PDB file of N, CA and C in Angstrom:
ATOM      1  N   MET A   1      41.997  31.320  -3.298  1.00  0.00           N
ATOM      2  CA  MET A   1      42.203  29.904  -3.555  1.00  0.00           C
ATOM      3  C   MET A   1      41.221  29.458  -4.632  1.00  0.00           C
ATOM      4  N   THR A   2      41.723  28.663  -5.560  1.00  0.00           N
ATOM      5  CA  THR A   2      40.899  28.026  -6.572  1.00  0.00           C
ATOM      6  C   THR A   2      41.146  26.532  -6.466  1.00  0.00           C
ATOM      7  N   VAL A   3      40.066  25.755  -6.401  1.00  0.00           N
ATOM      8  CA  VAL A   3      40.216  24.310  -6.247  1.00  0.00           C
ATOM      9  C   VAL A   3      40.036  23.603  -7.584  1.00  0.00           C
ATOM     10  N   ASN A   4      40.614  22.399  -7.660  1.00  0.00           N
ATOM     11  CA  ASN A   4      40.448  21.529  -8.815  1.00  0.00           C
ATOM     12  C   ASN A   4      40.363  20.088  -8.308  1.00  0.00           C
ATOM     13  N   LYS A   5      40.318  19.130  -9.218  1.00  0.00           N
ATOM     14  CA  LYS A   5      40.148  17.727  -8.826  1.00  0.00           C
ATOM     15  C   LYS A   5      41.268  17.207  -7.935  1.00  0.00           C
ATOM     16  N   ASP A   6      42.439  17.821  -8.032  1.00  0.00           N
ATOM     17  CA  ASP A   6      43.585  17.355  -7.254  1.00  0.00           C
ATOM     18  C   ASP A   6      43.772  18.085  -5.931  1.00  0.00           C
ATOM     19  N   THR A   7      42.898  19.028  -5.631  1.00  0.00           N
ATOM     20  CA  THR A   7      43.012  19.786  -4.386  1.00  0.00           C
ATOM     21  C   THR A   7      42.636  18.886  -3.208  1.00  0.00           C
ATOM     22  N   ILE A   8      43.451  18.943  -2.168  1.00  0.00           N
ATOM     23  CA  ILE A   8      43.233  18.139  -0.960  1.00  0.00           C
ATOM     24  C   ILE A   8      42.128  18.785  -0.119  1.00  0.00           C
ATOM     25  N   ILE A   9      41.199  17.962   0.315  1.00  0.00           N
ATOM     26  CA  ILE A   9      40.050  18.460   1.078  1.00  0.00           C
ATOM     27  C   ILE A   9      40.492  19.184   2.348  1.00  0.00           C
ATOM     28  N   GLY A  10      41.485  18.656   3.038  1.00  0.00           N
ATOM     29  CA  GLY A  10      41.981  19.314   4.250  1.00  0.00           C
ATOM     30  C   GLY A  10      42.491  20.719   3.976  1.00  0.00           C
ATOM     31  N   ASP A  11      43.121  20.911   2.820  1.00  0.00           N
ATOM     32  CA  ASP A  11      43.619  22.243   2.459  1.00  0.00           C
ATOM     33  C   ASP A  11      42.467  23.218   2.241  1.00  0.00           C
ATOM     34  N   ILE A  12      41.407  22.728   1.631  1.00  0.00           N
ATOM     35  CA  ILE A  12      40.227  23.580   1.402  1.00  0.00           C
ATOM     36  C   ILE A  12      39.601  23.972   2.736  1.00  0.00           C
ATOM     37  N   LEU A  13      39.422  22.995   3.604  1.00  0.00           N
ATOM     38  CA  LEU A  13      38.802  23.260   4.907  1.00  0.00           C
ATOM     39  C   LEU A  13      39.671  24.160   5.770  1.00  0.00           C
ATOM     40  N   ASP A  14      40.983  24.016   5.675  1.00  0.00           N
ATOM     41  CA  ASP A  14      41.877  24.898   6.425  1.00  0.00           C
ATOM     42  C   ASP A  14      41.786  26.335   5.914  1.00  0.00           C
ATOM     43  N   PHE A  15      41.597  26.484   4.609  1.00  0.00           N
ATOM     44  CA  PHE A  15      41.497  27.806   4.002  1.00  0.00           C
ATOM     45  C   PHE A  15      40.169  28.480   4.349  1.00  0.00           C
ATOM     46  N   ASP A  16      39.078  27.684   4.324  1.00  0.00           N
ATOM     47  CA  ASP A  16      37.746  28.240   4.606  1.00  0.00           C
ATOM     48  C   ASP A  16      36.842  27.133   5.142  1.00  0.00           C
ATOM     49  N   GLU A  17      36.643  27.126   6.447  1.00  0.00           N
ATOM     50  CA  GLU A  17      35.822  26.095   7.095  1.00  0.00           C
ATOM     51  C   GLU A  17      34.382  26.077   6.598  1.00  0.00           C
ATOM     52  N   THR A  18      33.900  27.197   6.092  1.00  0.00           N
ATOM     53  CA  THR A  18      32.499  27.251   5.658  1.00  0.00           C
ATOM     54  C   THR A  18      32.246  26.419   4.400  1.00  0.00           C
ATOM     55  N   THR A  19      33.296  25.918   3.757  1.00  0.00           N
ATOM     56  CA  THR A  19      33.107  25.039   2.601  1.00  0.00           C
ATOM     57  C   THR A  19      32.663  23.641   3.022  1.00  0.00           C
ATOM     58  N   SER A  20      32.700  23.360   4.300  1.00  0.00           N
ATOM     59  CA  SER A  20      32.324  22.029   4.787  1.00  0.00           C
ATOM     60  C   SER A  20      30.912  21.643   4.362  1.00  0.00           C
ATOM     61  N   LYS A  21      30.032  22.618   4.227  1.00  0.00           N
ATOM     62  CA  LYS A  21      28.646  22.305   3.857  1.00  0.00           C
ATOM     63  C   LYS A  21      28.558  21.615   2.499  1.00  0.00           C
ATOM     64  N   TYR A  22      29.474  21.899   1.600  1.00  0.00           N
ATOM     65  CA  TYR A  22      29.449  21.271   0.280  1.00  0.00           C
ATOM     66  C   TYR A  22      29.881  19.815   0.345  1.00  0.00           C
ATOM     67  N   PHE A  23      30.766  19.507   1.266  1.00  0.00           N
ATOM     68  CA  PHE A  23      31.173  18.116   1.451  1.00  0.00           C
ATOM     69  C   PHE A  23      30.082  17.333   2.171  1.00  0.00           C
ATOM     70  N   LEU A  24      29.429  17.976   3.118  1.00  0.00           N
ATOM     71  CA  LEU A  24      28.318  17.326   3.816  1.00  0.00           C
ATOM     72  C   LEU A  24      27.179  17.019   2.846  1.00  0.00           C
ATOM     73  N   GLU A  25      26.944  17.891   1.880  1.00  0.00           N
ATOM     74  CA  GLU A  25      25.893  17.687   0.881  1.00  0.00           C
ATOM     75  C   GLU A  25      26.100  16.409   0.072  1.00  0.00           C
ATOM     76  N   ILE A  26      27.348  16.009  -0.147  1.00  0.00           N
ATOM     77  CA  ILE A  26      27.606  14.800  -0.936  1.00  0.00           C
ATOM     78  C   ILE A  26      27.685  13.556  -0.051  1.00  0.00           C
ATOM     79  N   GLY A  27      27.410  13.716   1.240  1.00  0.00           N
ATOM     80  CA  GLY A  27      27.411  12.578   2.150  1.00  0.00           C
ATOM     81  C   GLY A  27      28.736  12.327   2.831  1.00  0.00           C
ATOM     82  N   MET A  28      29.631  13.282   2.737  1.00  0.00           N
ATOM     83  CA  MET A  28      30.942  13.146   3.373  1.00  0.00           C
ATOM     84  C   MET A  28      30.852  13.741   4.775  1.00  0.00           C
ATOM     85  N   HIS A  29      30.437  12.903   5.716  1.00  0.00           N
ATOM     86  CA  HIS A  29      30.179  13.379   7.074  1.00  0.00           C
ATOM     87  C   HIS A  29      31.356  13.189   8.013  1.00  0.00           C
ATOM     88  N   CYS A  30      32.433  12.629   7.508  1.00  0.00           N
ATOM     89  CA  CYS A  30      33.590  12.341   8.373  1.00  0.00           C
ATOM     90  C   CYS A  30      34.725  13.327   8.095  1.00  0.00           C
ATOM     91  N   LEU A  31      34.418  14.598   8.063  1.00  0.00           N
ATOM     92  CA  LEU A  31      35.403  15.608   7.698  1.00  0.00           C
ATOM     93  C   LEU A  31      36.555  15.725   8.695  1.00  0.00           C
ATOM     94  N   GLY A  32      36.357  15.272   9.906  1.00  0.00           N
ATOM     95  CA  GLY A  32      37.425  15.322  10.901  1.00  0.00           C
ATOM     96  C   GLY A  32      38.368  14.134  10.818  1.00  0.00           C
ATOM     97  N   CYS A  33      37.993  13.140  10.052  1.00  0.00           N
ATOM     98  CA  CYS A  33      38.797  11.921   9.909  1.00  0.00           C
ATOM     99  C   CYS A  33      40.066  12.229   9.120  1.00  0.00           C
ATOM    100  N   PRO A  34      41.219  11.794   9.602  1.00  0.00           N
ATOM    101  CA  PRO A  34      42.474  12.090   8.897  1.00  0.00           C
ATOM    102  C   PRO A  34      42.483  11.617   7.448  1.00  0.00           C
ATOM    103  N   SER A  35      41.914  10.450   7.171  1.00  0.00           N
ATOM    104  CA  SER A  35      41.932   9.966   5.788  1.00  0.00           C
ATOM    105  C   SER A  35      41.048  10.819   4.894  1.00  0.00           C
ATOM    106  N   ALA A  36      39.928  11.305   5.403  1.00  0.00           N
ATOM    107  CA  ALA A  36      39.050  12.156   4.610  1.00  0.00           C
ATOM    108  C   ALA A  36      39.731  13.487   4.301  1.00  0.00           C
ATOM    109  N   ARG A  37      40.419  14.034   5.262  1.00  0.00           N
ATOM    110  CA  ARG A  37      41.085  15.328   5.058  1.00  0.00           C
ATOM    111  C   ARG A  37      42.245  15.228   4.080  1.00  0.00           C
ATOM    112  N   SER A  38      42.769  14.024   3.867  1.00  0.00           N
ATOM    113  CA  SER A  38      43.906  13.877   2.956  1.00  0.00           C
ATOM    114  C   SER A  38      43.499  13.436   1.553  1.00  0.00           C
ATOM    115  N   GLU A  39      42.200  13.266   1.335  1.00  0.00           N
ATOM    116  CA  GLU A  39      41.704  12.895   0.012  1.00  0.00           C
ATOM    117  C   GLU A  39      41.634  14.111  -0.899  1.00  0.00           C
ATOM    118  N   THR A  40      41.731  13.847  -2.197  1.00  0.00           N
ATOM    119  CA  THR A  40      41.482  14.909  -3.172  1.00  0.00           C
ATOM    120  C   THR A  40      39.975  14.992  -3.404  1.00  0.00           C
ATOM    121  N   ILE A  41      39.543  16.073  -4.010  1.00  0.00           N
ATOM    122  CA  ILE A  41      38.129  16.204  -4.349  1.00  0.00           C
ATOM    123  C   ILE A  41      37.711  15.048  -5.263  1.00  0.00           C
ATOM    124  N   GLU A  42      38.550  14.732  -6.226  1.00  0.00           N
ATOM    125  CA  GLU A  42      38.221  13.649  -7.161  1.00  0.00           C
ATOM    126  C   GLU A  42      38.025  12.322  -6.431  1.00  0.00           C
ATOM    127  N   GLN A  43      38.909  12.010  -5.500  1.00  0.00           N
ATOM    128  CA  GLN A  43      38.798  10.760  -4.745  1.00  0.00           C
ATOM    129  C   GLN A  43      37.525  10.724  -3.909  1.00  0.00           C
ATOM    130  N   ALA A  44      37.224  11.806  -3.234  1.00  0.00           N
ATOM    131  CA  ALA A  44      36.021  11.864  -2.398  1.00  0.00           C
ATOM    132  C   ALA A  44      34.761  11.708  -3.233  1.00  0.00           C
ATOM    133  N   CYS A  45      34.729  12.357  -4.379  1.00  0.00           N
ATOM    134  CA  CYS A  45      33.545  12.268  -5.237  1.00  0.00           C
ATOM    135  C   CYS A  45      33.383  10.867  -5.799  1.00  0.00           C
ATOM    136  N   MET A  46      34.481  10.213  -6.107  1.00  0.00           N
ATOM    137  CA  MET A  46      34.409   8.850  -6.601  1.00  0.00           C
ATOM    138  C   MET A  46      33.803   7.927  -5.538  1.00  0.00           C
ATOM    139  N   VAL A  47      34.272   8.062  -4.311  1.00  0.00           N
ATOM    140  CA  VAL A  47      33.792   7.227  -3.211  1.00  0.00           C
ATOM    141  C   VAL A  47      32.318   7.489  -2.923  1.00  0.00           C
ATOM    142  N   HIS A  48      31.906   8.746  -3.035  1.00  0.00           N
ATOM    143  CA  HIS A  48      30.542   9.124  -2.687  1.00  0.00           C
ATOM    144  C   HIS A  48      29.609   9.211  -3.897  1.00  0.00           C
ATOM    145  N   GLY A  49      30.089   8.808  -5.068  1.00  0.00           N
ATOM    146  CA  GLY A  49      29.248   8.761  -6.261  1.00  0.00           C
ATOM    147  C   GLY A  49      28.717  10.112  -6.691  1.00  0.00           C
ATOM    148  N   THR A  50      29.565  11.120  -6.631  1.00  0.00           N
ATOM    149  CA  THR A  50      29.163  12.489  -6.928  1.00  0.00           C
ATOM    150  C   THR A  50      30.013  13.051  -8.056  1.00  0.00           C
ATOM    151  N   ASP A  51      29.463  13.988  -8.784  1.00  0.00           N
ATOM    152  CA  ASP A  51      30.162  14.648  -9.887  1.00  0.00           C
ATOM    153  C   ASP A  51      31.189  15.636  -9.323  1.00  0.00           C
ATOM    154  N   ALA A  52      32.460  15.364  -9.557  1.00  0.00           N
ATOM    155  CA  ALA A  52      33.529  16.218  -9.034  1.00  0.00           C
ATOM    156  C   ALA A  52      33.466  17.619  -9.626  1.00  0.00           C
ATOM    157  N   ASP A  53      33.157  17.716 -10.907  1.00  0.00           N
ATOM    158  CA  ASP A  53      33.108  19.034 -11.548  1.00  0.00           C
ATOM    159  C   ASP A  53      32.030  19.925 -10.939  1.00  0.00           C
ATOM    160  N   GLU A  54      30.911  19.325 -10.590  1.00  0.00           N
ATOM    161  CA  GLU A  54      29.822  20.086  -9.963  1.00  0.00           C
ATOM    162  C   GLU A  54      30.242  20.595  -8.586  1.00  0.00           C
ATOM    163  N   LEU A  55      30.884  19.738  -7.804  1.00  0.00           N
ATOM    164  CA  LEU A  55      31.348  20.136  -6.471  1.00  0.00           C
ATOM    165  C   LEU A  55      32.407  21.230  -6.573  1.00  0.00           C
ATOM    166  N   ILE A  56      33.326  21.074  -7.496  1.00  0.00           N
ATOM    167  CA  ILE A  56      34.386  22.072  -7.700  1.00  0.00           C
ATOM    168  C   ILE A  56      33.783  23.418  -8.060  1.00  0.00           C
ATOM    169  N   GLN A  57      32.790  23.394  -8.939  1.00  0.00           N
ATOM    170  CA  GLN A  57      32.134  24.643  -9.343  1.00  0.00           C
ATOM    171  C   GLN A  57      31.478  25.334  -8.141  1.00  0.00           C
ATOM    172  N   LYS A  58      30.786  24.566  -7.312  1.00  0.00           N
ATOM    173  CA  LYS A  58      30.135  25.140  -6.125  1.00  0.00           C
ATOM    174  C   LYS A  58      31.156  25.750  -5.164  1.00  0.00           C
ATOM    175  N   ILE A  59      32.233  25.018  -4.913  1.00  0.00           N
ATOM    176  CA  ILE A  59      33.234  25.495  -3.968  1.00  0.00           C
ATOM    177  C   ILE A  59      33.940  26.741  -4.508  1.00  0.00           C
ATOM    178  N   ASN A  60      34.319  26.720  -5.777  1.00  0.00           N
ATOM    179  CA  ASN A  60      34.997  27.889  -6.352  1.00  0.00           C
ATOM    180  C   ASN A  60      34.089  29.110  -6.375  1.00  0.00           C
ATOM    181  N   LYS A  61      32.805  28.905  -6.640  1.00  0.00           N
ATOM    182  CA  LYS A  61      31.853  30.017  -6.616  1.00  0.00           C
ATOM    183  C   LYS A  61      31.767  30.586  -5.201  1.00  0.00           C
ATOM    184  N   HIS A  62      31.704  29.700  -4.221  1.00  0.00           N
ATOM    185  CA  HIS A  62      31.640  30.122  -2.813  1.00  0.00           C
ATOM    186  C   HIS A  62      32.899  30.907  -2.427  1.00  0.00           C
ATOM    187  N   LEU A  63      34.059  30.370  -2.795  1.00  0.00           N
ATOM    188  CA  LEU A  63      35.316  31.026  -2.422  1.00  0.00           C
ATOM    189  C   LEU A  63      35.490  32.375  -3.125  1.00  0.00           C
ATOM    190  N   SER A  64      35.016  32.492  -4.330  1.00  0.00           N
ATOM    191  CA  SER A  64      35.176  33.751  -5.070  1.00  0.00           C
ATOM    192  C   SER A  64      34.228  34.835  -4.575  1.00  0.00           C
ATOM    193  N   SER A  65      33.201  34.442  -3.839  1.00  0.00           N
ATOM    194  CA  SER A  65      32.239  35.425  -3.324  1.00  0.00           C
ATOM    195  C   SER A  65      32.700  36.062  -2.017  1.00  0.00           C
ATOM    196  N   LYS A  66      33.817  35.637  -1.490  1.00  0.00           N
ATOM    197  CA  LYS A  66      34.299  36.147  -0.203  1.00  0.00           C
ATOM    198  C   LYS A  66      35.196  37.336  -0.406  1.00  0.00           C
TER     199      LYS A  66
END
């Protein structure tokens, strides 16, 4: 799996639960909330004031190391 700004957070978490730590790092602590799981990475980063490209890079690096 490779993520981008339009990737749904729930899809990422379903693919690999260990990516949750990257969302927690940006202050997204409501990962079980239905609305949070249906957001895109871009939407979540906008709400939490975080750089989407940086988060995407971290997640893709993590996923490629598995």
